[in-house]
Amino acid sequence: MQAPFSLLDAENTLASPVPVPAGRATQMLALTILWHPDARRIGEQYIATARSADIDVNRFAPLFGAPGGRCAPLDQRRVARDSLRLRRHRDDGVSLLLPQSRMRVELNGAMLAAPETRCTPEQVDAGLVIGLGGVVLLCVHWMDRLPQDSAIASVRGVSAAAIRVRELIRQVAATDLPVLLLGEAGSGKELAARAIHQASARCREPMVTVNMATVGASLAEAELFGAGTGAFAQAGEGSVFLDKIGKAPQPVQAMLRRVLQTREYRPPGARTKEAARARLIGASDDDLHDASFNQALLRRLEALVVQLPPLRARRCDIGVLALHFMQAWSARTGGAPELPLAFISQLCVYDWPGNVRQLGSVVQRALSVAQAGEAPDFGTLVPGVAGRPARTRPGKLGAQAVLDALEANGWLIRNAALALGVSRPSMYKLMEAHPAIRQIGQIAPAEIDAALAAHGGDAGRCAAALKTPSEALRRYLRGRMAGKVS
């Protein structure tokens, strides 16, 4: 088996940054677990420190780990013992060489059939999403440092980009200079501002937030500089976070420049000046280097700049973020339904123009749909995206493909049919003809009871163990319960 970096290696540990110059040639190829039946494994990584060696991915290798944790293989029955081989080329493209087994392998949501598929360097830059056996999703991407424990819980992610942002936040929090946060809408600028405030010496004082895009020009001055009620007065020695600072009216921009220059301001209607003791943190998703923004203010804000990467630039973080939103839903509602792997795969492949905020909204809507007993459809939840695959002729589908689709979709017939691109009636016919799939009426009640006991009463896992549709199993259990009540 291939061994990952070792905690016992004095030069390369899980907490050690790897100082390398920019460019792919000196970066390490990494595998991150985007999704796994054991949610605790999501976000674990394998880093290929040797540039020239192939990476064999199978049930027992490589070993994936997290900082400070154990290293373990994927260890899933649906992942074959024969290896999917990843080969890095001199131009930094990567080839996927299929195993000899019948394991289903997907690349960015499409099933692979050719013995070798070559991906361009640009595709690897974007992150390759690989599905194995209908149970595991991996992301192939670059890392310029080894994984590190996150001391800033609000900035989630295992990517090199996420690690860099946390490092910058720690550095910025140790100073008292103004900060400018730049990034696309939804990329987490307010979370970063709160992380800076909480990690600073001002953390016991308030952080007051003002969205300049929602404050009218007539009220902006009072909102910021009002005596006793303005943001600077309320923050005291804490922090003032001005979101969308590029939308601030020109007179207010001039006032902010003077505040940063003199550390004083005059409240509207007042005769005396007040001391501005709060630290200013600004954020923008606009280009501030034009005539519409006060360039003298910009030069002072640029004392410290933190650039928040878009989600499409850190695709390997999507699994960790999606799991976080699911866990938050579960904490609020007392439990979260499982989402089909095909849907999770679409989450991981999509480019997310609305970034983390959009991802969170889609995951929550999907959970709401699933909670109501329906299958979440990506194309419906993300307008403009073709969520349904092209129709497939049932006769072209092999028995293994049918079984894989059911396994990947929690043995829900509708979800499996969507994943295969067939109608529900066609799916029923495929299941009836399959030698390994059983109708609920063919299974002895004692076997059903044993499977329920073995899986803690979880009907979804019980259905997978019995190889029977979960809808039929749930109807059977409801009917049996109704009989006991009556």
Protein backbone atom coordinates (compact mmCIF):
# COMPACT_ATOMS: atom_id res chain seq x y z
CA MET A 1 0.00 0.00 0.00
CA GLN A 2 1.10 3.55 -0.67
CA ALA A 3 1.94 5.40 2.51
CA PRO A 4 0.92 9.04 3.01
CA PHE A 5 3.09 11.66 4.64
CA SER A 6 4.07 10.48 8.10
CA LEU A 7 3.51 12.11 11.45
CA LEU A 8 6.92 10.71 12.41
CA ASP A 9 8.72 12.43 9.54
CA ALA A 10 10.55 15.39 11.07
CA GLU A 11 10.56 17.33 7.80
CA ASN A 12 7.03 16.66 6.51
CA THR A 13 4.24 16.44 9.08
CA LEU A 14 0.52 17.02 8.82
CA ALA A 15 1.03 20.45 10.38
CA SER A 16 3.98 21.55 8.26
CA PRO A 17 3.57 24.11 5.47
CA VAL A 18 5.55 23.31 2.35
CA PRO A 19 7.22 26.49 1.09
CA VAL A 20 7.16 26.20 -2.68
CA PRO A 21 7.20 28.72 -5.49
CA ALA A 22 4.07 29.27 -7.57
CA GLY A 23 3.28 27.00 -10.51
CA ARG A 24 2.01 23.47 -10.96
CA ALA A 25 5.43 21.88 -11.40
CA THR A 26 6.28 22.21 -7.72
CA GLN A 27 2.79 21.52 -6.38
CA MET A 28 1.66 18.20 -4.97
CA LEU A 29 -1.20 16.20 -6.39
CA ALA A 30 -3.80 15.61 -3.71
CA LEU A 31 -6.89 13.45 -3.21
CA THR A 32 -9.61 14.72 -0.88
CA ILE A 33 -12.63 12.67 0.20
CA LEU A 34 -15.62 14.76 -0.89
CA TRP A 35 -18.20 12.20 0.24
CA HIS A 36 -18.13 8.90 2.08
CA PRO A 37 -20.78 6.73 3.80
CA ASP A 38 -18.94 7.46 7.06
CA ALA A 39 -19.37 11.24 7.35
CA ARG A 40 -16.34 11.44 9.65
CA ARG A 41 -14.15 10.62 6.65
CA ILE A 42 -15.28 13.64 4.60
CA GLY A 43 -12.36 16.05 4.16
CA GLU A 44 -9.61 13.47 4.77
CA GLN A 45 -6.73 13.71 2.33
CA TYR A 46 -3.90 11.87 0.66
CA ILE A 47 -1.00 13.98 -0.61
CA ALA A 48 1.34 12.54 -3.25
CA THR A 49 4.69 14.02 -2.27
CA ALA A 50 6.48 12.15 -5.10
CA ARG A 51 5.89 13.90 -8.41
CA SER A 52 6.56 10.99 -10.75
CA ALA A 53 4.82 8.07 -9.00
CA ASP A 54 1.40 6.84 -10.10
CA ILE A 55 -1.36 6.85 -7.48
CA ASP A 56 -3.32 3.61 -7.16
CA VAL A 57 -6.80 4.12 -5.72
CA ASN A 58 -8.67 1.05 -4.51
CA ARG A 59 -10.44 -0.31 -1.46
CA PHE A 60 -7.21 -0.58 0.54
CA ALA A 61 -5.00 2.24 -0.79
CA PRO A 62 -3.98 4.96 -0.51
CA LEU A 63 -4.33 5.90 3.15
CA PHE A 64 -6.35 9.05 3.83
CA GLY A 65 -5.98 11.10 6.99
CA ALA A 66 -6.64 14.39 8.76
CA PRO A 67 -4.20 16.39 10.91
CA GLY A 68 -3.74 14.62 14.23
CA GLY A 69 -5.94 11.69 13.21
CA ARG A 70 -5.43 8.14 12.05
CA CYS A 71 -4.79 7.23 8.43
CA ALA A 72 -7.09 4.65 6.79
CA PRO A 73 -8.08 3.38 3.33
CA LEU A 74 -11.50 3.98 1.77
CA ASP A 75 -12.53 0.51 2.99
CA GLN A 76 -15.83 0.30 1.10
CA ARG A 77 -17.17 -2.92 -0.38
CA ARG A 78 -18.36 -1.15 -3.54
CA VAL A 79 -14.83 0.18 -4.16
CA ALA A 80 -12.90 -2.52 -6.03
CA ARG A 81 -9.66 -4.17 -4.96
CA ASP A 82 -8.31 -3.49 -8.46
CA SER A 83 -6.91 0.01 -8.75
CA LEU A 84 -8.02 3.08 -10.57
CA ARG A 85 -4.63 4.52 -11.50
CA LEU A 86 -3.89 8.27 -11.59
CA ARG A 87 -0.88 9.20 -13.72
CA ARG A 88 0.61 12.70 -13.69
CA HIS A 89 2.21 13.76 -16.97
CA ARG A 90 5.07 16.14 -17.60
CA ASP A 91 2.67 18.88 -18.73
CA ASP A 92 0.79 18.38 -15.41
CA GLY A 93 -2.19 16.78 -17.04
CA VAL A 94 -3.53 13.66 -15.32
CA SER A 95 -4.71 10.39 -16.85
CA LEU A 96 -7.29 8.09 -15.26
CA LEU A 97 -6.63 4.41 -16.08
CA LEU A 98 -9.68 2.28 -15.33
CA PRO A 99 -9.36 -0.85 -13.18
CA GLN A 100 -9.96 -4.34 -14.56
CA SER A 101 -13.00 -4.73 -12.31
CA ARG A 102 -16.61 -3.78 -13.10
CA MET A 103 -16.54 -0.93 -10.59
CA ARG A 104 -18.45 2.13 -11.77
CA VAL A 105 -16.06 5.09 -12.18
CA GLU A 106 -17.37 8.59 -12.87
CA LEU A 107 -15.50 11.76 -13.80
CA ASN A 108 -17.32 15.03 -13.09
CA GLY A 109 -20.65 13.17 -13.04
CA ALA A 110 -20.19 11.18 -16.27
CA MET A 111 -19.47 7.44 -16.28
CA LEU A 112 -16.11 6.48 -17.79
CA ALA A 113 -15.89 3.63 -20.29
CA ALA A 114 -12.56 4.15 -22.11
CA PRO A 115 -9.54 2.34 -20.57
CA GLU A 116 -7.72 5.70 -20.26
CA THR A 117 -9.07 9.23 -19.94
CA ARG A 118 -6.61 12.11 -20.13
CA CYS A 119 -7.46 15.36 -18.31
CA THR A 120 -5.80 18.64 -19.21
CA PRO A 121 -3.78 20.66 -16.70
CA GLU A 122 -6.60 23.23 -16.68
CA GLN A 123 -9.12 20.55 -15.73
CA VAL A 124 -6.92 19.49 -12.82
CA ASP A 125 -6.59 23.15 -11.80
CA ALA A 126 -10.40 23.25 -11.53
CA GLY A 127 -10.49 20.00 -9.51
CA LEU A 128 -11.53 16.59 -10.84
CA VAL A 129 -14.52 14.95 -9.14
CA ILE A 130 -14.20 11.16 -9.26
CA GLY A 131 -16.99 8.79 -8.22
CA LEU A 132 -16.08 5.24 -7.19
CA GLY A 133 -18.57 2.40 -7.00
CA GLY A 134 -21.51 4.70 -6.41
CA VAL A 135 -20.48 5.24 -2.78
CA VAL A 136 -17.43 7.53 -2.61
CA LEU A 137 -16.55 10.87 -4.21
CA LEU A 138 -12.96 12.09 -4.41
CA CYS A 139 -11.50 15.38 -5.63
CA VAL A 140 -8.14 15.42 -7.43
CA HIS A 141 -6.48 18.82 -7.03
CA TRP A 142 -3.23 20.63 -6.23
CA MET A 143 -1.79 21.47 -2.81
CA ASP A 144 1.19 23.71 -2.10
CA ARG A 145 1.28 22.80 1.60
CA LEU A 146 0.34 19.89 3.83
CA PRO A 147 -2.96 19.90 5.75
CA GLN A 148 -3.19 21.87 8.97
CA ASP A 149 -5.54 21.91 11.94
CA SER A 150 -7.98 24.80 11.71
CA ALA A 151 -7.70 27.23 14.58
CA ILE A 152 -10.46 29.35 12.98
CA ALA A 153 -13.58 27.19 12.95
CA SER A 154 -15.73 29.65 10.99
CA VAL A 155 -13.48 29.45 7.91
CA ARG A 156 -14.07 25.85 6.87
CA GLY A 157 -12.12 23.92 4.30
CA VAL A 158 -9.15 21.63 3.73
CA SER A 159 -7.89 23.25 0.51
CA ALA A 160 -4.63 25.16 0.23
CA ALA A 161 -6.75 28.27 -0.42
CA ALA A 162 -8.68 27.83 2.84
CA ILE A 163 -5.45 27.27 4.77
CA ARG A 164 -3.96 30.44 3.28
CA VAL A 165 -7.02 32.48 4.27
CA ARG A 166 -6.81 31.22 7.86
CA GLU A 167 -3.10 32.08 7.96
CA LEU A 168 -3.84 35.60 6.70
CA ILE A 169 -6.63 36.06 9.26
CA ARG A 170 -4.27 35.13 12.09
CA GLN A 171 -1.64 37.55 10.79
CA VAL A 172 -4.14 40.38 10.28
CA ALA A 173 -5.78 39.85 13.69
CA ALA A 174 -2.44 40.42 15.41
CA THR A 175 -2.28 44.02 14.09
CA ASP A 176 -4.40 47.13 14.57
CA LEU A 177 -4.31 48.32 10.96
CA PRO A 178 -7.39 48.74 8.74
CA VAL A 179 -8.32 45.63 6.72
CA LEU A 180 -9.87 45.29 3.28
CA LEU A 181 -11.61 42.01 2.43
CA LEU A 182 -12.08 41.35 -1.28
CA GLY A 183 -14.03 38.55 -2.92
CA GLU A 184 -17.09 37.64 -4.91
CA ALA A 185 -20.56 37.87 -3.40
CA GLY A 186 -21.21 34.95 -1.08
CA SER A 187 -17.54 34.05 -0.62
CA GLY A 188 -17.61 34.59 3.17
CA LYS A 189 -16.31 38.12 3.73
CA GLU A 190 -18.47 38.75 6.81
CA LEU A 191 -17.39 35.43 8.32
CA ALA A 192 -13.77 36.43 7.72
CA ALA A 193 -14.40 39.83 9.34
CA ARG A 194 -15.87 38.17 12.43
CA ALA A 195 -12.96 35.73 12.55
CA ILE A 196 -10.49 38.65 12.46
CA HIS A 197 -12.38 40.41 15.25
CA GLN A 198 -12.63 37.28 17.41
CA ALA A 199 -8.94 36.47 16.98
CA SER A 200 -7.83 40.02 17.84
CA ALA A 201 -7.21 41.76 21.14
CA ARG A 202 -10.54 43.59 20.58
CA CYS A 203 -12.61 40.40 20.81
CA ARG A 204 -14.26 41.40 24.12
CA GLU A 205 -15.62 44.59 22.53
CA PRO A 206 -18.50 44.75 20.02
CA MET A 207 -18.22 44.32 16.28
CA VAL A 208 -20.77 46.56 14.59
CA THR A 209 -21.77 45.72 11.02
CA VAL A 210 -23.16 48.20 8.47
CA ASN A 211 -24.11 47.18 4.94
CA MET A 212 -23.40 50.30 2.92
CA ALA A 213 -25.52 49.06 0.00
CA THR A 214 -28.67 49.27 2.15
CA VAL A 215 -28.01 52.62 3.84
CA GLY A 216 -29.36 55.64 2.00
CA ALA A 217 -27.07 58.61 1.33
CA SER A 218 -29.11 60.82 3.67
CA LEU A 219 -28.72 58.40 6.60
CA ALA A 220 -25.19 57.08 6.01
CA GLU A 221 -23.43 59.81 7.98
CA ALA A 222 -25.67 59.35 11.03
CA GLU A 223 -25.44 55.54 10.72
CA LEU A 224 -21.67 55.69 11.01
CA PHE A 225 -20.89 58.83 13.00
CA GLY A 226 -24.02 59.62 15.03
CA ALA A 227 -23.32 60.68 18.63
CA GLY A 228 -23.89 57.64 20.82
CA THR A 229 -25.83 55.79 18.13
CA GLY A 230 -23.43 55.60 15.18
CA ALA A 231 -21.39 52.50 14.38
CA PHE A 232 -18.11 53.98 15.65
CA ALA A 233 -19.70 55.08 18.94
CA GLN A 234 -21.36 51.69 19.49
CA ALA A 235 -18.23 49.73 18.65
CA GLY A 236 -16.08 51.62 21.14
CA GLU A 237 -12.71 49.89 21.05
CA GLY A 238 -14.10 46.99 19.06
CA SER A 239 -14.45 46.74 15.27
CA VAL A 240 -16.60 48.43 12.63
CA PHE A 241 -17.29 46.19 9.64
CA LEU A 242 -18.46 48.07 6.55
CA ASP A 243 -19.77 45.55 4.05
CA LYS A 244 -19.96 46.70 0.40
CA ILE A 245 -17.84 49.71 1.28
CA GLY A 246 -17.66 50.58 -2.41
CA LYS A 247 -21.34 51.65 -2.20
CA ALA A 248 -20.63 54.27 0.48
CA PRO A 249 -21.63 57.82 -0.65
CA GLN A 250 -18.70 60.02 -1.69
CA PRO A 251 -19.03 62.39 1.32
CA VAL A 252 -18.94 59.41 3.69
CA GLN A 253 -15.86 58.03 1.91
CA ALA A 254 -14.09 61.33 2.59
CA MET A 255 -15.13 61.14 6.26
CA LEU A 256 -13.80 57.60 6.54
CA ARG A 257 -10.48 58.72 5.04
CA ARG A 258 -10.20 61.43 7.71
CA VAL A 259 -11.10 58.93 10.44
CA LEU A 260 -8.26 56.65 9.34
CA GLN A 261 -5.88 59.61 9.06
CA THR A 262 -6.71 61.49 12.30
CA ARG A 263 -8.56 58.85 14.40
CA GLU A 264 -11.29 61.46 14.99
CA TYR A 265 -14.75 62.31 13.61
CA ARG A 266 -17.39 64.97 14.22
CA PRO A 267 -20.92 63.62 14.83
CA PRO A 268 -23.63 65.34 12.74
CA GLY A 269 -24.72 68.57 14.45
CA ALA A 270 -22.00 68.34 17.13
CA ARG A 271 -19.46 71.07 17.88
CA THR A 272 -16.74 68.83 19.22
CA LYS A 273 -14.97 65.85 17.75
CA GLU A 274 -15.08 62.29 19.05
CA ALA A 275 -12.19 59.81 19.15
CA ALA A 276 -12.53 56.92 16.68
CA ARG A 277 -11.17 54.02 18.71
CA ALA A 278 -12.62 51.14 16.67
CA ARG A 279 -10.74 49.21 14.04
CA LEU A 280 -12.16 49.53 10.52
CA ILE A 281 -12.71 46.40 8.42
CA GLY A 282 -14.07 47.01 4.94
CA ALA A 283 -15.32 44.52 2.37
CA SER A 284 -16.17 44.74 -1.30
CA ASP A 285 -17.00 42.55 -4.27
CA ASP A 286 -16.47 45.54 -6.62
CA ASP A 287 -13.29 46.83 -8.24
CA LEU A 288 -12.40 49.83 -6.10
CA HIS A 289 -9.58 51.00 -8.39
CA ASP A 290 -11.65 53.44 -10.40
CA ALA A 291 -12.74 57.06 -10.15
CA SER A 292 -16.00 56.25 -8.36
CA PHE A 293 -14.16 55.32 -5.15
CA ASN A 294 -12.02 57.64 -3.05
CA GLN A 295 -8.50 56.49 -3.93
CA ALA A 296 -6.95 58.16 -0.86
CA LEU A 297 -9.31 56.05 1.29
CA LEU A 298 -8.44 52.95 -0.73
CA ARG A 299 -4.71 53.45 -0.11
CA ARG A 300 -5.34 53.52 3.63
CA LEU A 301 -7.67 50.50 3.51
CA GLU A 302 -5.08 48.55 1.54
CA ALA A 303 -2.72 48.48 4.52
CA LEU A 304 -3.88 44.85 4.88
CA VAL A 305 -5.80 42.99 2.17
CA VAL A 306 -7.34 39.53 2.42
CA GLN A 307 -8.57 38.01 -0.85
CA LEU A 308 -11.37 35.44 -0.36
CA PRO A 309 -11.23 32.76 -3.09
CA PRO A 310 -14.40 31.77 -4.97
CA LEU A 311 -15.79 28.33 -4.22
CA ARG A 312 -14.98 27.10 -7.74
CA ALA A 313 -11.29 27.68 -6.92
CA ARG A 314 -11.51 25.31 -3.93
CA ARG A 315 -13.76 22.53 -5.16
CA CYS A 316 -12.25 20.06 -2.69
CA ASP A 317 -13.96 22.02 0.13
CA ILE A 318 -17.51 21.47 -1.16
CA GLY A 319 -18.00 18.18 0.70
CA VAL A 320 -16.87 19.66 4.02
CA LEU A 321 -19.11 22.70 3.53
CA ALA A 322 -22.14 20.65 2.45
CA LEU A 323 -21.74 18.39 5.50
CA HIS A 324 -21.59 21.50 7.73
CA PHE A 325 -24.89 22.79 6.32
CA MET A 326 -26.48 19.35 6.78
CA GLN A 327 -25.31 19.17 10.38
CA ALA A 328 -26.63 22.68 11.04
CA TRP A 329 -30.00 21.63 9.61
CA SER A 330 -30.00 18.52 11.79
CA ALA A 331 -29.22 20.58 14.90
CA ARG A 332 -32.17 22.88 14.17
CA THR A 333 -34.71 20.23 13.19
CA GLY A 334 -33.63 17.20 15.19
CA GLY A 335 -32.43 15.19 12.21
CA ALA A 336 -31.59 15.49 8.53
CA PRO A 337 -32.62 13.15 5.69
CA GLU A 338 -29.94 11.55 3.54
CA LEU A 339 -29.33 13.12 0.15
CA PRO A 340 -28.59 10.83 -2.81
CA LEU A 341 -24.98 10.53 -3.91
CA ALA A 342 -25.94 11.60 -7.43
CA PHE A 343 -27.20 14.89 -5.99
CA ILE A 344 -24.03 15.34 -3.90
CA SER A 345 -22.00 14.71 -7.06
CA GLN A 346 -23.85 17.54 -8.81
CA LEU A 347 -23.10 19.81 -5.85
CA CYS A 348 -19.41 19.03 -6.21
CA VAL A 349 -19.25 19.50 -9.99
CA TYR A 350 -21.17 22.81 -10.15
CA ASP A 351 -19.18 26.08 -10.30
CA TRP A 352 -21.32 28.03 -7.75
CA PRO A 353 -21.42 31.65 -9.01
CA GLY A 354 -23.07 32.53 -5.68
CA ASN A 355 -20.26 30.77 -3.80
CA VAL A 356 -20.67 29.36 -0.27
CA ARG A 357 -23.87 31.31 0.39
CA GLN A 358 -25.54 29.76 -2.67
CA LEU A 359 -24.30 26.28 -1.75
CA GLY A 360 -25.80 26.61 1.73
CA SER A 361 -29.16 27.75 0.35
CA VAL A 362 -29.33 24.87 -2.15
CA VAL A 363 -28.40 22.25 0.47
CA GLN A 364 -31.07 23.55 2.85
CA ARG A 365 -33.74 23.54 0.11
CA ALA A 366 -32.71 20.01 -0.88
CA LEU A 367 -33.06 18.84 2.71
CA SER A 368 -36.48 20.46 2.94
CA VAL A 369 -37.58 18.65 -0.24
CA ALA A 370 -36.16 15.33 0.99
CA GLN A 371 -37.81 15.81 4.39
CA ALA A 372 -41.16 16.01 2.56
CA GLY A 373 -40.47 12.61 1.00
CA GLU A 374 -39.53 13.86 -2.46
CA ALA A 375 -36.28 13.48 -4.38
CA PRO A 376 -34.32 16.75 -4.68
CA ASP A 377 -33.77 17.73 -8.31
CA PHE A 378 -30.65 19.82 -8.90
CA GLY A 379 -32.06 21.49 -12.01
CA THR A 380 -35.09 22.68 -10.04
CA LEU A 381 -33.10 23.90 -7.04
CA VAL A 382 -30.51 25.69 -9.19
CA PRO A 383 -32.46 27.38 -12.01
CA GLY A 384 -30.71 27.33 -15.36
CA VAL A 385 -28.84 24.10 -14.66
CA ALA A 386 -29.78 20.94 -16.51
CA GLY A 387 -30.23 18.67 -13.52
CA ARG A 388 -31.54 15.62 -15.35
CA PRO A 389 -29.28 13.38 -17.40
CA ALA A 390 -30.09 12.55 -21.00
CA ARG A 391 -32.53 9.69 -21.50
CA THR A 392 -30.96 6.27 -21.76
CA ARG A 393 -32.39 3.20 -23.47
CA PRO A 394 -33.07 0.63 -20.73
CA GLY A 395 -31.71 -2.15 -22.97
CA LYS A 396 -28.28 -0.49 -22.92
CA LEU A 397 -28.02 -0.65 -19.14
CA GLY A 398 -26.22 -3.60 -17.61
CA ALA A 399 -27.28 -5.29 -14.39
CA GLN A 400 -24.34 -3.76 -12.51
CA ALA A 401 -25.33 -0.22 -13.56
CA VAL A 402 -28.84 -0.75 -12.19
CA LEU A 403 -27.50 -2.07 -8.90
CA ASP A 404 -24.95 0.76 -8.63
CA ALA A 405 -27.65 3.39 -9.22
CA LEU A 406 -29.82 1.95 -6.45
CA GLU A 407 -26.86 1.69 -4.08
CA ALA A 408 -25.83 5.29 -4.82
CA ASN A 409 -29.35 6.63 -4.30
CA GLY A 410 -30.33 4.93 -1.07
CA TRP A 411 -32.45 2.33 -2.87
CA LEU A 412 -34.96 5.04 -3.81
CA ILE A 413 -36.48 4.07 -7.16
CA ARG A 414 -37.19 7.62 -8.36
CA ASN A 415 -33.68 8.85 -7.59
CA ALA A 416 -32.06 5.82 -9.22
CA ALA A 417 -34.21 6.28 -12.34
CA LEU A 418 -33.16 9.93 -12.55
CA ALA A 419 -29.49 8.97 -12.18
CA LEU A 420 -29.77 6.38 -14.96
CA GLY A 421 -31.86 8.60 -17.24
CA VAL A 422 -34.79 6.17 -17.52
CA SER A 423 -38.49 6.46 -16.69
CA ARG A 424 -39.88 5.02 -13.49
CA PRO A 425 -41.84 2.27 -15.33
CA SER A 426 -38.61 1.28 -17.12
CA MET A 427 -36.84 1.24 -13.77
CA TYR A 428 -39.43 -1.16 -12.37
CA LYS A 429 -38.88 -3.48 -15.35
CA LEU A 430 -35.11 -3.36 -14.90
CA MET A 431 -35.49 -4.23 -11.21
CA GLU A 432 -37.89 -7.10 -11.90
CA ALA A 433 -35.39 -8.60 -14.34
CA HIS A 434 -32.44 -8.21 -11.98
CA PRO A 435 -31.45 -11.46 -10.24
CA ALA A 436 -30.08 -9.75 -7.10
CA ILE A 437 -32.95 -7.30 -6.43
CA ARG A 438 -35.79 -8.67 -4.32
CA GLN A 439 -39.39 -7.61 -3.91
CA ILE A 440 -40.40 -6.99 -0.31
CA GLY A 441 -42.98 -9.78 -0.49
CA GLN A 442 -40.20 -12.29 -1.26
CA ILE A 443 -38.35 -11.58 2.01
CA ALA A 444 -39.21 -13.42 5.19
CA PRO A 445 -40.34 -11.17 8.10
CA ALA A 446 -37.65 -12.70 10.32
CA GLU A 447 -34.94 -11.61 7.83
CA ILE A 448 -36.38 -8.10 7.76
CA ASP A 449 -36.40 -7.93 11.57
CA ALA A 450 -32.78 -9.14 11.70
CA ALA A 451 -31.70 -6.51 9.18
CA LEU A 452 -33.49 -3.75 11.11
CA ALA A 453 -31.82 -4.85 14.34
CA ALA A 454 -28.40 -4.97 12.65
CA HIS A 455 -28.79 -1.41 11.31
CA GLY A 456 -30.34 0.25 14.35
CA GLY A 457 -33.79 0.52 12.80
CA ASP A 458 -32.52 2.61 9.87
CA ALA A 459 -34.87 1.68 7.02
CA GLY A 460 -32.54 3.04 4.32
CA ARG A 461 -29.59 0.92 5.39
CA CYS A 462 -31.87 -2.04 5.96
CA ALA A 463 -33.16 -1.73 2.37
CA ALA A 464 -29.60 -1.69 1.05
CA ALA A 465 -28.71 -4.79 3.06
CA LEU A 466 -31.82 -6.63 1.86
CA LYS A 467 -31.45 -5.32 -1.72
CA THR A 468 -35.04 -4.16 -1.89
CA PRO A 469 -36.47 -0.69 -2.69
CA SER A 470 -36.65 1.49 0.40
CA GLU A 471 -40.11 2.87 -0.51
CA ALA A 472 -41.57 -0.65 -0.47
CA LEU A 473 -39.82 -1.48 2.79
CA ARG A 474 -41.18 1.67 4.46
CA ARG A 475 -44.71 0.90 3.25
CA TYR A 476 -44.36 -2.63 4.63
CA LEU A 477 -43.16 -1.32 8.01
CA ARG A 478 -45.95 1.28 8.18
CA GLY A 479 -48.53 -1.39 7.37
CA ARG A 480 -47.14 -3.71 10.01
CA MET A 481 -47.18 -0.93 12.60
CA ALA A 482 -50.75 -0.02 11.69
CA GLY A 483 -51.71 -3.66 12.18
CA LYS A 484 -50.18 -3.68 15.66
CA VAL A 485 -51.97 -0.45 16.63
CA SER A 486 -55.33 -1.72 15.46
